[in-house]
Amino acid sequence: MSENPSEKAPDAAKKAPEPSGVDLARVALRAAKEQARARGDAAQQKKQARRGGLRSGARADGRDPLALGAAINRLITERGWEAPAAVGGVMGRWPQIVGEDVAKHCVPEKYDEDERVLVVRCDSTAWATNLRLLAPTLVARLNEDLGHGAVRQIKVQGPGGPARRYGPLRAPGSTGPGDTYG
């Protein structure tokens, strides 16, 4: 019986040689390296997230990138802007603090950090009088919200007209009524 070479070829093509011991070790080593690299990348990302992101060098320093909120908080702390920033937040929430009716007629204008005075302008003298009566209660409410002593006083201003630098009683170059020429 003679064997036909064309009959053997299809059987050989169907069966790929099984990996031997060395080849199996190489495949297992490659798979282990890929898994370790994936675990290492994930661990590195977790570590960077805990540290606050990327770093500029071997140790953390002031040049490292920060999240926007962290950078703003750091700037506020470094510059000593805690109280003005807190009062600015109060100015943004003014209607919730004083009520919608009062907020329609009285608007906070500025905060003097040194004197701890909040200046509020009202659109009528009646509302200015009303707010002056409410001022002690508002100071207590603001200090409860901001921390004790952040606002010492509320200075209420009525409606203001344009500033008059020169009037009918003042001539250019004079110091005002009662000026005597000698």
C-alpha atoms as a PDB file:
ATOM      1  CA  MET A   1       0.000   0.000   0.000  1.00  0.00           C
ATOM      2  CA  SER A   2       1.410   3.202  -1.006  1.00  0.00           C
ATOM      3  CA  GLU A   3       0.656   6.354   0.816  1.00  0.00           C
ATOM      4  CA  ASN A   4      -0.454   9.274  -1.180  1.00  0.00           C
ATOM      5  CA  PRO A   5       1.410  12.490  -0.133  1.00  0.00           C
ATOM      6  CA  SER A   6      -1.666  14.556  -0.918  1.00  0.00           C
ATOM      7  CA  GLU A   7      -3.564  12.656   1.821  1.00  0.00           C
ATOM      8  CA  LYS A   8      -0.987  13.545   4.541  1.00  0.00           C
ATOM      9  CA  ALA A   9      -0.833  17.289   3.785  1.00  0.00           C
ATOM     10  CA  PRO A  10      -4.402  18.138   4.796  1.00  0.00           C
ATOM     11  CA  ASP A  11      -3.955  16.347   8.142  1.00  0.00           C
ATOM     12  CA  ALA A  12      -0.728  18.241   8.865  1.00  0.00           C
ATOM     13  CA  ALA A  13      -2.313  21.590   7.972  1.00  0.00           C
ATOM     14  CA  LYS A  14      -5.251  20.900  10.261  1.00  0.00           C
ATOM     15  CA  LYS A  15      -3.112  20.284  13.341  1.00  0.00           C
ATOM     16  CA  ALA A  16      -0.862  23.132  14.528  1.00  0.00           C
ATOM     17  CA  PRO A  17       1.997  22.036  16.719  1.00  0.00           C
ATOM     18  CA  GLU A  18       1.167  22.299  20.419  1.00  0.00           C
ATOM     19  CA  PRO A  19       3.344  24.829  22.303  1.00  0.00           C
ATOM     20  CA  SER A  20       6.085  23.098  24.172  1.00  0.00           C
ATOM     21  CA  GLY A  21       7.237  23.932  27.710  1.00  0.00           C
ATOM     22  CA  VAL A  22       9.409  26.898  26.715  1.00  0.00           C
ATOM     23  CA  ASP A  23       6.730  28.345  24.451  1.00  0.00           C
ATOM     24  CA  LEU A  24       4.075  27.957  27.165  1.00  0.00           C
ATOM     25  CA  ALA A  25       6.339  29.770  29.612  1.00  0.00           C
ATOM     26  CA  ARG A  26       6.805  32.660  27.161  1.00  0.00           C
ATOM     27  CA  VAL A  27       3.040  32.998  26.619  1.00  0.00           C
ATOM     28  CA  ALA A  28       2.374  32.898  30.380  1.00  0.00           C
ATOM     29  CA  LEU A  29       5.147  35.444  31.042  1.00  0.00           C
ATOM     30  CA  ARG A  30       3.778  37.821  28.390  1.00  0.00           C
ATOM     31  CA  ALA A  31       0.253  37.571  29.854  1.00  0.00           C
ATOM     32  CA  ALA A  32       1.568  38.163  33.392  1.00  0.00           C
ATOM     33  CA  LYS A  33       3.539  41.225  32.247  1.00  0.00           C
ATOM     34  CA  GLU A  34       0.455  42.714  30.560  1.00  0.00           C
ATOM     35  CA  GLN A  35      -1.654  42.137  33.682  1.00  0.00           C
ATOM     36  CA  ALA A  36       1.021  43.675  35.918  1.00  0.00           C
ATOM     37  CA  ARG A  37       1.332  46.678  33.623  1.00  0.00           C
ATOM     38  CA  ALA A  38      -2.451  47.181  33.690  1.00  0.00           C
ATOM     39  CA  ARG A  39      -2.489  46.913  37.512  1.00  0.00           C
ATOM     40  CA  GLY A  40       0.468  49.288  37.750  1.00  0.00           C
ATOM     41  CA  ASP A  41      -1.205  51.867  35.493  1.00  0.00           C
ATOM     42  CA  ALA A  42      -4.377  51.690  37.584  1.00  0.00           C
ATOM     43  CA  ALA A  43      -2.391  52.007  40.828  1.00  0.00           C
ATOM     44  CA  GLN A  44      -0.448  54.966  39.423  1.00  0.00           C
ATOM     45  CA  GLN A  45      -3.688  56.711  38.428  1.00  0.00           C
ATOM     46  CA  LYS A  46      -5.144  56.122  41.915  1.00  0.00           C
ATOM     47  CA  LYS A  47      -1.964  57.478  43.520  1.00  0.00           C
ATOM     48  CA  GLN A  48      -2.032  60.584  41.307  1.00  0.00           C
ATOM     49  CA  ALA A  49      -5.695  61.150  42.109  1.00  0.00           C
ATOM     50  CA  ARG A  50      -4.941  60.939  45.856  1.00  0.00           C
ATOM     51  CA  ARG A  51      -2.061  63.400  45.489  1.00  0.00           C
ATOM     52  CA  GLY A  52      -4.218  65.790  43.505  1.00  0.00           C
ATOM     53  CA  GLY A  53      -3.014  65.030  39.992  1.00  0.00           C
ATOM     54  CA  LEU A  54       0.305  65.156  38.239  1.00  0.00           C
ATOM     55  CA  ARG A  55       3.506  66.327  39.868  1.00  0.00           C
ATOM     56  CA  SER A  56       6.263  68.485  38.515  1.00  0.00           C
ATOM     57  CA  GLY A  57       9.130  66.533  40.050  1.00  0.00           C
ATOM     58  CA  ALA A  58      10.136  63.945  42.607  1.00  0.00           C
ATOM     59  CA  ARG A  59       8.450  65.792  45.489  1.00  0.00           C
ATOM     60  CA  ALA A  60       5.270  67.814  45.699  1.00  0.00           C
ATOM     61  CA  ASP A  61       5.835  71.555  45.465  1.00  0.00           C
ATOM     62  CA  GLY A  62       3.993  74.748  44.507  1.00  0.00           C
ATOM     63  CA  ARG A  63       4.401  74.100  40.778  1.00  0.00           C
ATOM     64  CA  ASP A  64       2.273  70.968  40.766  1.00  0.00           C
ATOM     65  CA  PRO A  65      -1.016  71.169  38.859  1.00  0.00           C
ATOM     66  CA  LEU A  66      -4.126  71.518  41.027  1.00  0.00           C
ATOM     67  CA  ALA A  67      -7.829  71.123  40.451  1.00  0.00           C
ATOM     68  CA  LEU A  68      -9.526  74.495  39.889  1.00  0.00           C
ATOM     69  CA  GLY A  69     -11.427  74.433  43.190  1.00  0.00           C
ATOM     70  CA  ALA A  70      -8.285  73.542  45.138  1.00  0.00           C
ATOM     71  CA  ALA A  71      -6.327  76.297  43.389  1.00  0.00           C
ATOM     72  CA  ILE A  72      -8.985  78.902  44.202  1.00  0.00           C
ATOM     73  CA  ASN A  73      -9.169  77.780  47.847  1.00  0.00           C
ATOM     74  CA  ARG A  74      -5.379  77.941  48.104  1.00  0.00           C
ATOM     75  CA  LEU A  75      -5.328  81.458  46.625  1.00  0.00           C
ATOM     76  CA  ILE A  76      -8.057  82.660  49.006  1.00  0.00           C
ATOM     77  CA  THR A  77      -6.192  81.243  51.992  1.00  0.00           C
ATOM     78  CA  GLU A  78      -2.777  82.577  50.937  1.00  0.00           C
ATOM     79  CA  ARG A  79      -4.117  86.083  50.347  1.00  0.00           C
ATOM     80  CA  GLY A  80      -6.286  86.164  53.484  1.00  0.00           C
ATOM     81  CA  TRP A  81      -9.504  86.642  51.543  1.00  0.00           C
ATOM     82  CA  GLU A  82     -11.623  84.246  53.615  1.00  0.00           C
ATOM     83  CA  ALA A  83     -13.925  86.899  55.120  1.00  0.00           C
ATOM     84  CA  PRO A  84     -14.418  88.928  51.893  1.00  0.00           C
ATOM     85  CA  ALA A  85     -15.080  85.727  49.939  1.00  0.00           C
ATOM     86  CA  ALA A  86     -17.608  84.600  52.536  1.00  0.00           C
ATOM     87  CA  VAL A  87     -19.321  87.995  52.491  1.00  0.00           C
ATOM     88  CA  GLY A  88     -19.324  87.861  48.690  1.00  0.00           C
ATOM     89  CA  GLY A  89     -21.193  84.573  48.966  1.00  0.00           C
ATOM     90  CA  VAL A  90     -23.673  86.268  51.269  1.00  0.00           C
ATOM     91  CA  MET A  91     -24.165  89.045  48.721  1.00  0.00           C
ATOM     92  CA  GLY A  92     -25.002  86.375  46.157  1.00  0.00           C
ATOM     93  CA  ARG A  93     -27.555  84.819  48.521  1.00  0.00           C
ATOM     94  CA  TRP A  94     -28.936  88.157  49.758  1.00  0.00           C
ATOM     95  CA  PRO A  95     -32.576  87.367  48.816  1.00  0.00           C
ATOM     96  CA  GLN A  96     -32.501  84.104  50.814  1.00  0.00           C
ATOM     97  CA  ILE A  97     -30.994  85.834  53.855  1.00  0.00           C
ATOM     98  CA  VAL A  98     -33.198  88.944  54.080  1.00  0.00           C
ATOM     99  CA  GLY A  99     -36.276  87.767  52.186  1.00  0.00           C
ATOM    100  CA  GLU A 100     -37.567  88.550  48.723  1.00  0.00           C
ATOM    101  CA  ASP A 101     -39.433  91.750  49.702  1.00  0.00           C
ATOM    102  CA  VAL A 102     -36.435  93.391  51.360  1.00  0.00           C
ATOM    103  CA  ALA A 103     -34.071  92.196  48.600  1.00  0.00           C
ATOM    104  CA  LYS A 104     -36.204  93.956  45.958  1.00  0.00           C
ATOM    105  CA  HIS A 105     -35.619  97.305  47.660  1.00  0.00           C
ATOM    106  CA  CYS A 106     -32.254  96.936  49.482  1.00  0.00           C
ATOM    107  CA  VAL A 107     -29.018  95.820  47.809  1.00  0.00           C
ATOM    108  CA  PRO A 108     -25.632  95.189  49.466  1.00  0.00           C
ATOM    109  CA  GLU A 109     -23.014  97.433  47.859  1.00  0.00           C
ATOM    110  CA  LYS A 110     -19.700  96.746  49.560  1.00  0.00           C
ATOM    111  CA  TYR A 111     -18.005  95.210  52.556  1.00  0.00           C
ATOM    112  CA  ASP A 112     -15.273  97.003  54.493  1.00  0.00           C
ATOM    113  CA  GLU A 113     -13.042  94.205  55.770  1.00  0.00           C
ATOM    114  CA  ASP A 114     -11.076  96.377  58.207  1.00  0.00           C
ATOM    115  CA  GLU A 115     -14.151  97.856  59.898  1.00  0.00           C
ATOM    116  CA  ARG A 116     -16.288  94.726  59.276  1.00  0.00           C
ATOM    117  CA  VAL A 117     -19.116  96.935  57.980  1.00  0.00           C
ATOM    118  CA  LEU A 118     -21.574  95.875  55.280  1.00  0.00           C
ATOM    119  CA  VAL A 119     -22.930  98.847  53.292  1.00  0.00           C
ATOM    120  CA  VAL A 120     -26.479  98.408  51.970  1.00  0.00           C
ATOM    121  CA  ARG A 121     -28.281 100.865  49.660  1.00  0.00           C
ATOM    122  CA  CYS A 122     -32.078 101.089  49.713  1.00  0.00           C
ATOM    123  CA  ASP A 123     -34.253 102.541  46.938  1.00  0.00           C
ATOM    124  CA  SER A 124     -36.363 104.661  49.284  1.00  0.00           C
ATOM    125  CA  THR A 125     -36.035 106.321  52.669  1.00  0.00           C
ATOM    126  CA  ALA A 126     -38.890 104.184  53.981  1.00  0.00           C
ATOM    127  CA  TRP A 127     -37.007 100.971  53.161  1.00  0.00           C
ATOM    128  CA  ALA A 128     -33.804 102.448  54.584  1.00  0.00           C
ATOM    129  CA  THR A 129     -35.610 103.134  57.869  1.00  0.00           C
ATOM    130  CA  ASN A 130     -37.084  99.630  57.854  1.00  0.00           C
ATOM    131  CA  LEU A 131     -33.660  98.066  57.254  1.00  0.00           C
ATOM    132  CA  ARG A 132     -32.089 100.164  60.037  1.00  0.00           C
ATOM    133  CA  LEU A 133     -34.663  98.647  62.408  1.00  0.00           C
ATOM    134  CA  LEU A 134     -33.837  95.141  61.128  1.00  0.00           C
ATOM    135  CA  ALA A 135     -30.047  95.693  61.216  1.00  0.00           C
ATOM    136  CA  PRO A 136     -29.307  94.020  64.604  1.00  0.00           C
ATOM    137  CA  THR A 137     -31.249  90.922  63.570  1.00  0.00           C
ATOM    138  CA  LEU A 138     -29.475  90.843  60.191  1.00  0.00           C
ATOM    139  CA  VAL A 139     -26.042  91.216  61.823  1.00  0.00           C
ATOM    140  CA  ALA A 140     -26.820  88.240  64.070  1.00  0.00           C
ATOM    141  CA  ARG A 141     -28.055  86.186  61.094  1.00  0.00           C
ATOM    142  CA  LEU A 142     -24.999  87.081  58.990  1.00  0.00           C
ATOM    143  CA  ASN A 143     -22.583  86.228  61.812  1.00  0.00           C
ATOM    144  CA  GLU A 144     -24.360  82.921  62.315  1.00  0.00           C
ATOM    145  CA  ASP A 145     -23.881  82.186  58.624  1.00  0.00           C
ATOM    146  CA  LEU A 146     -20.308  83.536  58.270  1.00  0.00           C
ATOM    147  CA  GLY A 147     -18.820  82.942  61.672  1.00  0.00           C
ATOM    148  CA  HIS A 148     -18.850  85.127  64.748  1.00  0.00           C
ATOM    149  CA  GLY A 149     -17.626  88.687  64.231  1.00  0.00           C
ATOM    150  CA  ALA A 150     -17.493  88.714  60.427  1.00  0.00           C
ATOM    151  CA  VAL A 151     -19.977  91.606  60.265  1.00  0.00           C
ATOM    152  CA  ARG A 152     -19.973  94.117  63.099  1.00  0.00           C
ATOM    153  CA  GLN A 153     -22.385  96.665  61.630  1.00  0.00           C
ATOM    154  CA  ILE A 154     -24.716  97.243  58.699  1.00  0.00           C
ATOM    155  CA  LYS A 155     -24.530 100.761  57.317  1.00  0.00           C
ATOM    156  CA  VAL A 156     -27.790 101.614  55.576  1.00  0.00           C
ATOM    157  CA  GLN A 157     -27.862 104.279  52.876  1.00  0.00           C
ATOM    158  CA  GLY A 158     -30.968 105.766  51.331  1.00  0.00           C
ATOM    159  CA  PRO A 159     -31.434 106.615  47.691  1.00  0.00           C
ATOM    160  CA  GLY A 160     -28.656 108.810  46.454  1.00  0.00           C
ATOM    161  CA  GLY A 161     -28.763 111.440  43.761  1.00  0.00           C
ATOM    162  CA  PRO A 162     -25.819 112.428  41.630  1.00  0.00           C
ATOM    163  CA  ALA A 163     -22.886 113.881  43.524  1.00  0.00           C
ATOM    164  CA  ARG A 164     -22.996 117.692  43.466  1.00  0.00           C
ATOM    165  CA  ARG A 165     -19.561 119.081  43.265  1.00  0.00           C
ATOM    166  CA  TYR A 166     -20.520 122.624  42.406  1.00  0.00           C
ATOM    167  CA  GLY A 167     -23.838 124.236  43.262  1.00  0.00           C
ATOM    168  CA  PRO A 168     -25.469 127.628  43.002  1.00  0.00           C
ATOM    169  CA  LEU A 169     -23.807 128.798  46.243  1.00  0.00           C
ATOM    170  CA  ARG A 170     -20.301 127.970  45.151  1.00  0.00           C
ATOM    171  CA  ALA A 171     -18.353 129.919  42.600  1.00  0.00           C
ATOM    172  CA  PRO A 172     -15.423 128.327  40.745  1.00  0.00           C
ATOM    173  CA  GLY A 173     -12.268 128.792  42.745  1.00  0.00           C
ATOM    174  CA  SER A 174     -14.088 129.605  45.971  1.00  0.00           C
ATOM    175  CA  THR A 175     -14.256 127.435  49.086  1.00  0.00           C
ATOM    176  CA  GLY A 176     -18.001 127.961  49.553  1.00  0.00           C
ATOM    177  CA  PRO A 177     -20.437 130.347  51.217  1.00  0.00           C
ATOM    178  CA  GLY A 178     -18.938 132.800  53.649  1.00  0.00           C
ATOM    179  CA  ASP A 179     -15.796 133.253  51.634  1.00  0.00           C
ATOM    180  CA  THR A 180     -14.364 136.681  52.175  1.00  0.00           C
ATOM    181  CA  TYR A 181     -12.105 138.436  49.763  1.00  0.00           C
ATOM    182  CA  GLY A 182      -9.441 140.408  51.397  1.00  0.00           C
END
